PDB file of N, CA and C in Angstrom:
ATOM      1  N   MET A   1      -6.517-148.145  22.008  1.00  0.00           N
ATOM      2  CA  MET A   1      -5.586-147.243  21.375  1.00  0.00           C
ATOM      3  C   MET A   1      -5.440-145.983  22.222  1.00  0.00           C
ATOM      4  N   LEU A   2      -4.243-145.543  22.441  1.00  0.00           N
ATOM      5  CA  LEU A   2      -3.940-144.357  23.238  1.00  0.00           C
ATOM      6  C   LEU A   2      -4.059-143.104  22.379  1.00  0.00           C
ATOM      7  N   HIS A   3      -4.789-142.111  22.883  1.00  0.00           N
ATOM      8  CA  HIS A   3      -4.979-140.849  22.163  1.00  0.00           C
ATOM      9  C   HIS A   3      -4.230-139.736  22.887  1.00  0.00           C
ATOM     10  N   ALA A   4      -3.944-138.665  22.156  1.00  0.00           N
ATOM     11  CA  ALA A   4      -3.262-137.504  22.747  1.00  0.00           C
ATOM     12  C   ALA A   4      -4.070-136.950  23.914  1.00  0.00           C
ATOM     13  N   ARG A   5      -5.405-136.975  23.824  1.00  0.00           N
ATOM     14  CA  ARG A   5      -6.246-136.434  24.904  1.00  0.00           C
ATOM     15  C   ARG A   5      -6.087-137.224  26.198  1.00  0.00           C
ATOM     16  N   ASP A   6      -5.622-138.481  26.088  1.00  0.00           N
ATOM     17  CA  ASP A   6      -5.380-139.299  27.271  1.00  0.00           C
ATOM     18  C   ASP A   6      -4.097-138.865  27.989  1.00  0.00           C
ATOM     19  N   ILE A   7      -3.168-138.281  27.244  1.00  0.00           N
ATOM     20  CA  ILE A   7      -1.885-137.851  27.804  1.00  0.00           C
ATOM     21  C   ILE A   7      -1.915-136.380  28.177  1.00  0.00           C
ATOM     22  N   PHE A   8      -2.498-135.561  27.293  1.00  0.00           N
ATOM     23  CA  PHE A   8      -2.538-134.115  27.488  1.00  0.00           C
ATOM     24  C   PHE A   8      -3.972-133.704  27.794  1.00  0.00           C
ATOM     25  N   PRO A   9      -4.212-133.159  28.996  1.00  0.00           N
ATOM     26  CA  PRO A   9      -5.578-132.757  29.341  1.00  0.00           C
ATOM     27  C   PRO A   9      -6.046-131.616  28.441  1.00  0.00           C
ATOM     28  N   LEU A  10      -7.250-131.711  27.947  1.00  0.00           N
ATOM     29  CA  LEU A  10      -7.816-130.680  27.083  1.00  0.00           C
ATOM     30  C   LEU A  10      -9.050-130.079  27.734  1.00  0.00           C
ATOM     31  N   GLY A  11      -9.258-128.801  27.484  1.00  0.00           N
ATOM     32  CA  GLY A  11     -10.474-128.156  27.946  1.00  0.00           C
ATOM     33  C   GLY A  11     -10.482-127.745  29.400  1.00  0.00           C
ATOM     34  N   LYS A  12      -9.323-127.830  30.057  1.00  0.00           N
ATOM     35  CA  LYS A  12      -9.261-127.385  31.448  1.00  0.00           C
ATOM     36  C   LYS A  12      -7.851-126.891  31.743  1.00  0.00           C
ATOM     37  N   VAL A  13      -7.746-126.086  32.779  1.00  0.00           N
ATOM     38  CA  VAL A  13      -6.448-125.574  33.202  1.00  0.00           C
ATOM     39  C   VAL A  13      -5.698-126.696  33.906  1.00  0.00           C
ATOM     40  N   VAL A  14      -4.429-126.851  33.564  1.00  0.00           N
ATOM     41  CA  VAL A  14      -3.647-127.939  34.155  1.00  0.00           C
ATOM     42  C   VAL A  14      -3.033-127.493  35.479  1.00  0.00           C
ATOM     43  N   PRO A  15      -2.707-128.436  36.363  1.00  0.00           N
ATOM     44  CA  PRO A  15      -2.037-128.098  37.629  1.00  0.00           C
ATOM     45  C   PRO A  15      -0.626-127.562  37.377  1.00  0.00           C
ATOM     46  N   SER A  16      -0.073-126.904  38.372  1.00  0.00           N
ATOM     47  CA  SER A  16       1.260-126.303  38.268  1.00  0.00           C
ATOM     48  C   SER A  16       2.309-127.282  37.780  1.00  0.00           C
ATOM     49  N   ASP A  17       2.279-128.491  38.289  1.00  0.00           N
ATOM     50  CA  ASP A  17       3.292-129.488  37.920  1.00  0.00           C
ATOM     51  C   ASP A  17       3.266-129.843  36.438  1.00  0.00           C
ATOM     52  N   ASP A  18       2.129-129.616  35.784  1.00  0.00           N
ATOM     53  CA  ASP A  18       2.002-129.973  34.375  1.00  0.00           C
ATOM     54  C   ASP A  18       2.303-128.824  33.419  1.00  0.00           C
ATOM     55  N   VAL A  19       2.628-127.652  33.943  1.00  0.00           N
ATOM     56  CA  VAL A  19       3.040-126.536  33.089  1.00  0.00           C
ATOM     57  C   VAL A  19       4.538-126.699  32.861  1.00  0.00           C
ATOM     58  N   VAL A  20       4.895-127.111  31.659  1.00  0.00           N
ATOM     59  CA  VAL A  20       6.305-127.425  31.373  1.00  0.00           C
ATOM     60  C   VAL A  20       6.848-126.521  30.274  1.00  0.00           C
ATOM     61  N   ASP A  21       8.156-126.300  30.313  1.00  0.00           N
ATOM     62  CA  ASP A  21       8.866-125.506  29.305  1.00  0.00           C
ATOM     63  C   ASP A  21       8.346-124.076  29.187  1.00  0.00           C
ATOM     64  N   ARG A  22       7.859-123.525  30.260  1.00  0.00           N
ATOM     65  CA  ARG A  22       7.362-122.145  30.234  1.00  0.00           C
ATOM     66  C   ARG A  22       7.969-121.299  31.356  1.00  0.00           C
ATOM     67  N   HIS A  23       8.978-121.829  32.044  1.00  0.00           N
ATOM     68  CA  HIS A  23       9.524-121.154  33.224  1.00  0.00           C
ATOM     69  C   HIS A  23      10.104-119.784  32.897  1.00  0.00           C
ATOM     70  N   THR A  24      10.827-119.669  31.800  1.00  0.00           N
ATOM     71  CA  THR A  24      11.418-118.375  31.414  1.00  0.00           C
ATOM     72  C   THR A  24      10.326-117.373  31.100  1.00  0.00           C
ATOM     73  N   PHE A  25       9.329-117.793  30.315  1.00  0.00           N
ATOM     74  CA  PHE A  25       8.221-116.907  29.972  1.00  0.00           C
ATOM     75  C   PHE A  25       7.478-116.459  31.230  1.00  0.00           C
ATOM     76  N   ILE A  26       7.222-117.385  32.132  1.00  0.00           N
ATOM     77  CA  ILE A  26       6.501-117.060  33.364  1.00  0.00           C
ATOM     78  C   ILE A  26       7.305-116.075  34.198  1.00  0.00           C
ATOM     79  N   ARG A  27       8.585-116.311  34.375  1.00  0.00           N
ATOM     80  CA  ARG A  27       9.431-115.409  35.172  1.00  0.00           C
ATOM     81  C   ARG A  27       9.472-114.003  34.550  1.00  0.00           C
ATOM     82  N   GLU A  28       9.683-113.917  33.232  1.00  0.00           N
ATOM     83  CA  GLU A  28       9.752-112.618  32.569  1.00  0.00           C
ATOM     84  C   GLU A  28       8.410-111.897  32.597  1.00  0.00           C
ATOM     85  N   THR A  29       7.333-112.651  32.464  1.00  0.00           N
ATOM     86  CA  THR A  29       5.998-112.050  32.514  1.00  0.00           C
ATOM     87  C   THR A  29       5.702-111.504  33.901  1.00  0.00           C
ATOM     88  N   LYS A  30       6.061-112.249  34.940  1.00  0.00           N
ATOM     89  CA  LYS A  30       5.860-111.766  36.313  1.00  0.00           C
ATOM     90  C   LYS A  30       6.632-110.470  36.538  1.00  0.00           C
ATOM     91  N   MET A  31       7.862-110.408  36.059  1.00  0.00           N
ATOM     92  CA  MET A  31       8.669-109.181  36.219  1.00  0.00           C
ATOM     93  C   MET A  31       8.036-108.024  35.456  1.00  0.00           C
ATOM     94  N   SER A  32       7.546-108.281  34.273  1.00  0.00           N
ATOM     95  CA  SER A  32       6.912-107.244  33.473  1.00  0.00           C
ATOM     96  C   SER A  32       5.642-106.715  34.145  1.00  0.00           C
ATOM     97  N   LEU A  33       4.816-107.631  34.638  1.00  0.00           N
ATOM     98  CA  LEU A  33       3.591-107.225  35.334  1.00  0.00           C
ATOM     99  C   LEU A  33       3.911-106.459  36.613  1.00  0.00           C
ATOM    100  N   ALA A  34       4.925-106.897  37.337  1.00  0.00           N
ATOM    101  CA  ALA A  34       5.328-106.198  38.568  1.00  0.00           C
ATOM    102  C   ALA A  34       5.820-104.791  38.254  1.00  0.00           C
ATOM    103  N   GLY A  35       6.325-104.593  37.046  1.00  0.00           N
ATOM    104  CA  GLY A  35       6.772-103.264  36.620  1.00  0.00           C
ATOM    105  C   GLY A  35       5.640-102.381  36.134  1.00  0.00           C
ATOM    106  N   GLY A  36       4.407-102.870  36.201  1.00  0.00           N
ATOM    107  CA  GLY A  36       3.245-102.060  35.835  1.00  0.00           C
ATOM    108  C   GLY A  36       2.829-102.198  34.384  1.00  0.00           C
ATOM    109  N   ASN A  37       3.376-103.143  33.674  1.00  0.00           N
ATOM    110  CA  ASN A  37       3.028-103.331  32.261  1.00  0.00           C
ATOM    111  C   ASN A  37       1.795-104.206  32.104  1.00  0.00           C
ATOM    112  N   SER A  38       1.123-104.045  30.977  1.00  0.00           N
ATOM    113  CA  SER A  38      -0.017-104.891  30.623  1.00  0.00           C
ATOM    114  C   SER A  38       0.478-106.026  29.746  1.00  0.00           C
ATOM    115  N   LEU A  39      -0.347-107.039  29.625  1.00  0.00           N
ATOM    116  CA  LEU A  39       0.042-108.217  28.860  1.00  0.00           C
ATOM    117  C   LEU A  39      -1.155-108.755  28.104  1.00  0.00           C
ATOM    118  N   MET A  40      -0.911-109.161  26.866  1.00  0.00           N
ATOM    119  CA  MET A  40      -1.925-109.872  26.099  1.00  0.00           C
ATOM    120  C   MET A  40      -1.262-111.114  25.528  1.00  0.00           C
ATOM    121  N   MET A  41      -1.831-112.267  25.823  1.00  0.00           N
ATOM    122  CA  MET A  41      -1.311-113.511  25.254  1.00  0.00           C
ATOM    123  C   MET A  41      -2.221-113.918  24.113  1.00  0.00           C
ATOM    124  N   SER A  42      -1.617-114.339  23.028  1.00  0.00           N
ATOM    125  CA  SER A  42      -2.406-114.842  21.914  1.00  0.00           C
ATOM    126  C   SER A  42      -1.713-116.061  21.333  1.00  0.00           C
ATOM    127  N   GLY A  43      -2.476-116.873  20.655  1.00  0.00           N
ATOM    128  CA  GLY A  43      -1.934-118.063  20.020  1.00  0.00           C
ATOM    129  C   GLY A  43      -3.058-118.971  19.608  1.00  0.00           C
ATOM    130  N   PRO A  44      -2.719-120.013  18.899  1.00  0.00           N
ATOM    131  CA  PRO A  44      -3.751-120.965  18.466  1.00  0.00           C
ATOM    132  C   PRO A  44      -4.451-121.607  19.659  1.00  0.00           C
ATOM    133  N   ARG A  45      -5.579-122.170  19.378  1.00  0.00           N
ATOM    134  CA  ARG A  45      -6.344-122.864  20.415  1.00  0.00           C
ATOM    135  C   ARG A  45      -5.556-124.037  20.967  1.00  0.00           C
ATOM    136  N   ARG A  46      -5.766-124.285  22.268  1.00  0.00           N
ATOM    137  CA  ARG A  46      -5.297-125.495  22.949  1.00  0.00           C
ATOM    138  C   ARG A  46      -3.776-125.655  22.996  1.00  0.00           C
ATOM    139  N   ILE A  47      -3.076-124.517  23.152  1.00  0.00           N
ATOM    140  CA  ILE A  47      -1.627-124.648  23.309  1.00  0.00           C
ATOM    141  C   ILE A  47      -1.181-124.334  24.733  1.00  0.00           C
ATOM    142  N   GLY A  48      -2.150-123.990  25.605  1.00  0.00           N
ATOM    143  CA  GLY A  48      -1.827-123.792  27.013  1.00  0.00           C
ATOM    144  C   GLY A  48      -1.819-122.362  27.494  1.00  0.00           C
ATOM    145  N   LYS A  49      -2.425-121.447  26.739  1.00  0.00           N
ATOM    146  CA  LYS A  49      -2.445-120.034  27.162  1.00  0.00           C
ATOM    147  C   LYS A  49      -3.094-119.868  28.535  1.00  0.00           C
ATOM    148  N   SER A  50      -4.253-120.473  28.724  1.00  0.00           N
ATOM    149  CA  SER A  50      -4.954-120.345  30.004  1.00  0.00           C
ATOM    150  C   SER A  50      -4.162-120.985  31.132  1.00  0.00           C
ATOM    151  N   SER A  51      -3.578-122.141  30.873  1.00  0.00           N
ATOM    152  CA  SER A  51      -2.794-122.820  31.910  1.00  0.00           C
ATOM    153  C   SER A  51      -1.596-121.975  32.320  1.00  0.00           C
ATOM    154  N   VAL A  52      -0.923-121.364  31.355  1.00  0.00           N
ATOM    155  CA  VAL A  52       0.220-120.498  31.670  1.00  0.00           C
ATOM    156  C   VAL A  52      -0.266-119.257  32.427  1.00  0.00           C
ATOM    157  N   ALA A  53      -1.376-118.669  31.972  1.00  0.00           N
ATOM    158  CA  ALA A  53      -1.906-117.479  32.651  1.00  0.00           C
ATOM    159  C   ALA A  53      -2.270-117.794  34.103  1.00  0.00           C
ATOM    160  N   TYR A  54      -2.922-118.919  34.343  1.00  0.00           N
ATOM    161  CA  TYR A  54      -3.284-119.289  35.712  1.00  0.00           C
ATOM    162  C   TYR A  54      -2.059-119.628  36.554  1.00  0.00           C
ATOM    163  N   GLU A  55      -1.033-120.185  35.932  1.00  0.00           N
ATOM    164  CA  GLU A  55       0.200-120.442  36.678  1.00  0.00           C
ATOM    165  C   GLU A  55       0.853-119.127  37.092  1.00  0.00           C
ATOM    166  N   ILE A  56       0.854-118.145  36.205  1.00  0.00           N
ATOM    167  CA  ILE A  56       1.390-116.816  36.554  1.00  0.00           C
ATOM    168  C   ILE A  56       0.579-116.236  37.708  1.00  0.00           C
ATOM    169  N   LEU A  57      -0.740-116.340  37.640  1.00  0.00           N
ATOM    170  CA  LEU A  57      -1.584-115.843  38.735  1.00  0.00           C
ATOM    171  C   LEU A  57      -1.296-116.569  40.041  1.00  0.00           C
ATOM    172  N   ARG A  58      -1.151-117.892  39.978  1.00  0.00           N
ATOM    173  CA  ARG A  58      -0.843-118.657  41.197  1.00  0.00           C
ATOM    174  C   ARG A  58       0.462-118.176  41.825  1.00  0.00           C
ATOM    175  N   GLN A  59       1.473-117.987  41.004  1.00  0.00           N
ATOM    176  CA  GLN A  59       2.763-117.547  41.532  1.00  0.00           C
ATOM    177  C   GLN A  59       2.693-116.117  42.059  1.00  0.00           C
ATOM    178  N   LEU A  60       1.969-115.251  41.380  1.00  0.00           N
ATOM    179  CA  LEU A  60       1.831-113.884  41.867  1.00  0.00           C
ATOM    180  C   LEU A  60       1.080-113.852  43.192  1.00  0.00           C
ATOM    181  N   GLN A  61       0.070-114.707  43.334  1.00  0.00           N
ATOM    182  CA  GLN A  61      -0.658-114.767  44.601  1.00  0.00           C
ATOM    183  C   GLN A  61       0.253-115.249  45.723  1.00  0.00           C
ATOM    184  N   SER A  62       1.122-116.199  45.430  1.00  0.00           N
ATOM    185  CA  SER A  62       2.030-116.671  46.476  1.00  0.00           C
ATOM    186  C   SER A  62       3.067-115.606  46.811  1.00  0.00           C
ATOM    187  N   ASP A  63       3.255-114.629  45.917  1.00  0.00           N
ATOM    188  CA  ASP A  63       4.144-113.496  46.193  1.00  0.00           C
ATOM    189  C   ASP A  63       3.406-112.363  46.905  1.00  0.00           C
ATOM    190  N   GLY A  64       2.111-112.542  47.178  1.00  0.00           N
ATOM    191  CA  GLY A  64       1.346-111.546  47.909  1.00  0.00           C
ATOM    192  C   GLY A  64       0.449-110.684  47.047  1.00  0.00           C
ATOM    193  N   CYS A  65       0.333-110.966  45.768  1.00  0.00           N
ATOM    194  CA  CYS A  65      -0.548-110.193  44.891  1.00  0.00           C
ATOM    195  C   CYS A  65      -1.974-110.719  44.991  1.00  0.00           C
ATOM    196  N   ALA A  66      -2.913-109.862  44.711  1.00  0.00           N
ATOM    197  CA  ALA A  66      -4.317-110.245  44.773  1.00  0.00           C
ATOM    198  C   ALA A  66      -4.869-110.405  43.365  1.00  0.00           C
ATOM    199  N   LYS A  67      -5.846-111.294  43.220  1.00  0.00           N
ATOM    200  CA  LYS A  67      -6.504-111.538  41.938  1.00  0.00           C
ATOM    201  C   LYS A  67      -7.990-111.302  42.130  1.00  0.00           C
ATOM    202  N   ILE A  68      -8.592-110.570  41.179  1.00  0.00           N
ATOM    203  CA  ILE A  68     -10.043-110.400  41.219  1.00  0.00           C
ATOM    204  C   ILE A  68     -10.600-110.609  39.820  1.00  0.00           C
ATOM    205  N   ASP A  69     -11.793-111.167  39.752  1.00  0.00           N
ATOM    206  CA  ASP A  69     -12.491-111.396  38.497  1.00  0.00           C
ATOM    207  C   ASP A  69     -13.480-110.249  38.299  1.00  0.00           C
ATOM    208  N   LEU A  70     -13.293-109.499  37.237  1.00  0.00           N
ATOM    209  CA  LEU A  70     -14.135-108.333  36.991  1.00  0.00           C
ATOM    210  C   LEU A  70     -15.334-108.632  36.105  1.00  0.00           C
ATOM    211  N   MET A  71     -15.536-109.897  35.752  1.00  0.00           N
ATOM    212  CA  MET A  71     -16.592-110.255  34.806  1.00  0.00           C
ATOM    213  C   MET A  71     -17.962-109.719  35.239  1.00  0.00           C
ATOM    214  N   TYR A  72     -18.334-109.915  36.490  1.00  0.00           N
ATOM    215  CA  TYR A  72     -19.655-109.482  36.954  1.00  0.00           C
ATOM    216  C   TYR A  72     -19.549-108.335  37.954  1.00  0.00           C
ATOM    217  N   THR A  73     -18.574-107.471  37.750  1.00  0.00           N
ATOM    218  CA  THR A  73     -18.370-106.320  38.622  1.00  0.00           C
ATOM    219  C   THR A  73     -18.790-105.073  37.862  1.00  0.00           C
ATOM    220  N   SER A  74     -19.836-104.405  38.351  1.00  0.00           N
ATOM    221  CA  SER A  74     -20.358-103.268  37.590  1.00  0.00           C
ATOM    222  C   SER A  74     -20.332-101.950  38.363  1.00  0.00           C
ATOM    223  N   THR A  75     -19.994-101.998  39.650  1.00  0.00           N
ATOM    224  CA  THR A  75     -19.949-100.757  40.414  1.00  0.00           C
ATOM    225  C   THR A  75     -18.610-100.634  41.136  1.00  0.00           C
ATOM    226  N   VAL A  76     -18.300 -99.427  41.546  1.00  0.00           N
ATOM    227  CA  VAL A  76     -17.077 -99.186  42.302  1.00  0.00           C
ATOM    228  C   VAL A  76     -17.129 -99.926  43.629  1.00  0.00           C
ATOM    229  N   GLU A  77     -18.324 -99.998  44.227  1.00  0.00           N
ATOM    230  CA  GLU A  77     -18.475-100.692  45.501  1.00  0.00           C
ATOM    231  C   GLU A  77     -18.176-102.183  45.356  1.00  0.00           C
ATOM    232  N   GLU A  78     -18.666-102.799  44.274  1.00  0.00           N
ATOM    233  CA  GLU A  78     -18.384-104.221  44.040  1.00  0.00           C
ATOM    234  C   GLU A  78     -16.893-104.443  43.816  1.00  0.00           C
ATOM    235  N   LEU A  79     -16.259-103.542  43.078  1.00  0.00           N
ATOM    236  CA  LEU A  79     -14.820-103.641  42.852  1.00  0.00           C
ATOM    237  C   LEU A  79     -14.065-103.544  44.169  1.00  0.00           C
ATOM    238  N   ALA A  80     -14.425-102.568  44.999  1.00  0.00           N
ATOM    239  CA  ALA A  80     -13.750-102.391  46.285  1.00  0.00           C
ATOM    240  C   ALA A  80     -13.943-103.612  47.178  1.00  0.00           C
ATOM    241  N   SER A  81     -15.144-104.154  47.189  1.00  0.00           N
ATOM    242  CA  SER A  81     -15.425-105.327  48.009  1.00  0.00           C
ATOM    243  C   SER A  81     -14.611-106.536  47.540  1.00  0.00           C
ATOM    244  N   LYS A  82     -14.586-106.772  46.231  1.00  0.00           N
ATOM    245  CA  LYS A  82     -13.822-107.907  45.701  1.00  0.00           C
ATOM    246  C   LYS A  82     -12.325-107.736  45.953  1.00  0.00           C
ATOM    247  N   LEU A  83     -11.837-106.522  45.790  1.00  0.00           N
ATOM    248  CA  LEU A  83     -10.419-106.262  46.021  1.00  0.00           C
ATOM    249  C   LEU A  83     -10.063-106.488  47.484  1.00  0.00           C
ATOM    250  N   LEU A  84     -10.898-105.980  48.391  1.00  0.00           N
ATOM    251  CA  LEU A  84     -10.660-106.173  49.818  1.00  0.00           C
ATOM    252  C   LEU A  84     -10.686-107.653  50.184  1.00  0.00           C
ATOM    253  N   GLN A  85     -11.667-108.390  49.682  1.00  0.00           N
ATOM    254  CA  GLN A  85     -11.750-109.821  49.973  1.00  0.00           C
ATOM    255  C   GLN A  85     -10.516-110.556  49.470  1.00  0.00           C
ATOM    256  N   SER A  86     -10.083-110.225  48.264  1.00  0.00           N
ATOM    257  CA  SER A  86      -8.930-110.914  47.687  1.00  0.00           C
ATOM    258  C   SER A  86      -7.657-110.609  48.458  1.00  0.00           C
ATOM    259  N   VAL A  87      -7.475-109.360  48.832  1.00  0.00           N
ATOM    260  CA  VAL A  87      -6.277-108.979  49.591  1.00  0.00           C
ATOM    261  C   VAL A  87      -6.276-109.671  50.947  1.00  0.00           C
ATOM    262  N   LEU A  88      -7.413-109.656  51.630  1.00  0.00           N
ATOM    263  CA  LEU A  88      -7.485-110.303  52.942  1.00  0.00           C
ATOM    264  C   LEU A  88      -7.262-111.803  52.835  1.00  0.00           C
ATOM    265  N   GLU A  89      -7.846-112.408  51.831  1.00  0.00           N
ATOM    266  CA  GLU A  89      -7.701-113.841  51.625  1.00  0.00           C
ATOM    267  C   GLU A  89      -6.243-114.213  51.371  1.00  0.00           C
ATOM    268  N   ASN A  90      -5.591-113.422  50.559  1.00  0.00           N
ATOM    269  CA  ASN A  90      -4.253-113.754  50.091  1.00  0.00           C
ATOM    270  C   ASN A  90      -3.145-113.359  51.054  1.00  0.00           C
ATOM    271  N   ARG A  91      -3.280-112.243  51.708  1.00  0.00           N
ATOM    272  CA  ARG A  91      -2.170-111.722  52.489  1.00  0.00           C
ATOM    273  C   ARG A  91      -2.211-112.117  53.952  1.00  0.00           C
ATOM    274  N   THR A  92      -3.387-112.249  54.517  1.00  0.00           N
ATOM    275  CA  THR A  92      -3.436-112.451  55.962  1.00  0.00           C
ATOM    276  C   THR A  92      -4.171-113.711  56.390  1.00  0.00           C
ATOM    277  N   GLY A  93      -4.970-114.267  55.508  1.00  0.00           N
ATOM    278  CA  GLY A  93      -5.743-115.438  55.884  1.00  0.00           C
ATOM    279  C   GLY A  93      -6.862-115.130  56.865  1.00  0.00           C
ATOM    280  N   VAL A  94      -7.276-113.855  56.937  1.00  0.00           N
ATOM    281  CA  VAL A  94      -8.290-113.473  57.914  1.00  0.00           C
ATOM    282  C   VAL A  94      -9.688-113.365  57.308  1.00  0.00           C
ATOM    283  N   LEU A  95      -9.867-113.785  56.072  1.00  0.00           N
ATOM    284  CA  LEU A  95     -11.169-113.621  55.441  1.00  0.00           C
ATOM    285  C   LEU A  95     -12.307-114.255  56.238  1.00  0.00           C
ATOM    286  N   PRO A  96     -12.180-115.475  56.754  1.00  0.00           N
ATOM    287  CA  PRO A  96     -13.289-116.029  57.544  1.00  0.00           C
ATOM    288  C   PRO A  96     -13.635-115.156  58.766  1.00  0.00           C
ATOM    289  N   LYS A  97     -12.630-114.629  59.438  1.00  0.00           N
ATOM    290  CA  LYS A  97     -12.889-113.749  60.588  1.00  0.00           C
ATOM    291  C   LYS A  97     -13.547-112.447  60.140  1.00  0.00           C
ATOM    292  N   PHE A  98     -13.086-111.918  59.004  1.00  0.00           N
ATOM    293  CA  PHE A  98     -13.674-110.703  58.456  1.00  0.00           C
ATOM    294  C   PHE A  98     -15.147-110.930  58.130  1.00  0.00           C
ATOM    295  N   ASN A  99     -15.453-112.043  57.446  1.00  0.00           N
ATOM    296  CA  ASN A  99     -16.844-112.345  57.098  1.00  0.00           C
ATOM    297  C   ASN A  99     -17.703-112.523  58.349  1.00  0.00           C
ATOM    298  N   TYR A 100     -17.152-113.157  59.377  1.00  0.00           N
ATOM    299  CA  TYR A 100     -17.871-113.309  60.641  1.00  0.00           C
ATOM    300  C   TYR A 100     -18.172-111.930  61.243  1.00  0.00           C
ATOM    301  N   ALA A 101     -17.190-111.052  61.240  1.00  0.00           N
ATOM    302  CA  ALA A 101     -17.380-109.701  61.792  1.00  0.00           C
ATOM    303  C   ALA A 101     -18.451-108.938  61.005  1.00  0.00           C
ATOM    304  N   VAL A 102     -18.449-109.067  59.700  1.00  0.00           N
ATOM    305  CA  VAL A 102     -19.459-108.398  58.872  1.00  0.00           C
ATOM    306  C   VAL A 102     -20.846-108.930  59.199  1.00  0.00           C
ATOM    307  N   ARG A 103     -20.972-110.251  59.335  1.00  0.00           N
ATOM    308  CA  ARG A 103     -22.274-110.830  59.698  1.00  0.00           C
ATOM    309  C   ARG A 103     -22.741-110.326  61.064  1.00  0.00           C
ATOM    310  N   GLN A 104     -21.812-110.233  62.027  1.00  0.00           N
ATOM    311  CA  GLN A 104     -22.169-109.746  63.356  1.00  0.00           C
ATOM    312  C   GLN A 104     -22.645-108.291  63.295  1.00  0.00           C
ATOM    313  N   LEU A 105     -21.956-107.486  62.497  1.00  0.00           N
ATOM    314  CA  LEU A 105     -22.367-106.081  62.349  1.00  0.00           C
ATOM    315  C   LEU A 105     -23.740-105.982  61.690  1.00  0.00           C
ATOM    316  N   LYS A 106     -23.991-106.779  60.661  1.00  0.00           N
ATOM    317  CA  LYS A 106     -25.309-106.763  60.011  1.00  0.00           C
ATOM    318  C   LYS A 106     -26.397-107.153  61.002  1.00  0.00           C
ATOM    319  N   ASP A 107     -26.147-108.218  61.780  1.00  0.00           N
ATOM    320  CA  ASP A 107     -27.121-108.650  62.781  1.00  0.00           C
ATOM    321  C   ASP A 107     -27.363-107.556  63.809  1.00  0.00           C
ATOM    322  N   PHE A 108     -26.303-106.902  64.261  1.00  0.00           N
ATOM    323  CA  PHE A 108     -26.413-105.836  65.252  1.00  0.00           C
ATOM    324  C   PHE A 108     -27.274-104.692  64.717  1.00  0.00           C
ATOM    325  N   PHE A 109     -27.001-104.273  63.458  1.00  0.00           N
ATOM    326  CA  PHE A 109     -27.737-103.152  62.904  1.00  0.00           C
ATOM    327  C   PHE A 109     -29.181-103.526  62.593  1.00  0.00           C
ATOM    328  N   GLN A 110     -29.440-104.782  62.265  1.00  0.00           N
ATOM    329  CA  GLN A 110     -30.822-105.222  62.069  1.00  0.00           C
ATOM    330  C   GLN A 110     -31.574-105.199  63.382  1.00  0.00           C
ATOM    331  N   LEU A 111     -30.933-105.639  64.472  1.00  0.00           N
ATOM    332  CA  LEU A 111     -31.562-105.583  65.796  1.00  0.00           C
ATOM    333  C   LEU A 111     -31.810-104.152  66.217  1.00  0.00           C
ATOM    334  N   THR A 112     -30.830-103.298  65.994  1.00  0.00           N
ATOM    335  CA  THR A 112     -30.941-101.901  66.389  1.00  0.00           C
ATOM    336  C   THR A 112     -32.069-101.213  65.624  1.00  0.00           C
ATOM    337  N   SER A 113     -32.156-101.436  64.327  1.00  0.00           N
ATOM    338  CA  SER A 113     -33.189-100.762  63.529  1.00  0.00           C
ATOM    339  C   SER A 113     -34.575-101.317  63.816  1.00  0.00           C
ATOM    340  N   SER A 114     -34.707-102.599  64.186  1.00  0.00           N
ATOM    341  CA  SER A 114     -36.019-103.168  64.458  1.00  0.00           C
ATOM    342  C   SER A 114     -36.532-102.777  65.838  1.00  0.00           C
ATOM    343  N   SER A 115     -35.609-102.447  66.757  1.00  0.00           N
ATOM    344  CA  SER A 115     -36.052-102.066  68.102  1.00  0.00           C
ATOM    345  C   SER A 115     -36.336-100.573  68.214  1.00  0.00           C
ATOM    346  N   ALA A 116     -35.998 -99.828  67.176  1.00  0.00           N
ATOM    347  CA  ALA A 116     -36.220 -98.367  67.226  1.00  0.00           C
ATOM    348  C   ALA A 116     -37.613 -97.977  66.873  1.00  0.00           C
TER     349      ALA A 116
END
């Protein structure tokens, strides 16, 4: 017997292709956010709020916006680091080179401090 859960994925964010009938909402929400407005989505469980929110984030990232998760961010330094990483990752694709440069600098300063 075929169940709804076999057709409609539950408990996870769906891929972009599976977000349907939300194009107007997504476009208007992106414009509102770009204008500096805040947004709160509410609704019953399992109607696709998270999937729509992640689709908006995906589209904003492809437009050059950065996304950061503040859940475990408790200092200004952590915020700045996450923001810098997200911007570099999204806008220039240089994050691997940046991380390599940071590792090289750490190694250099460890050598310098141990030889002093």
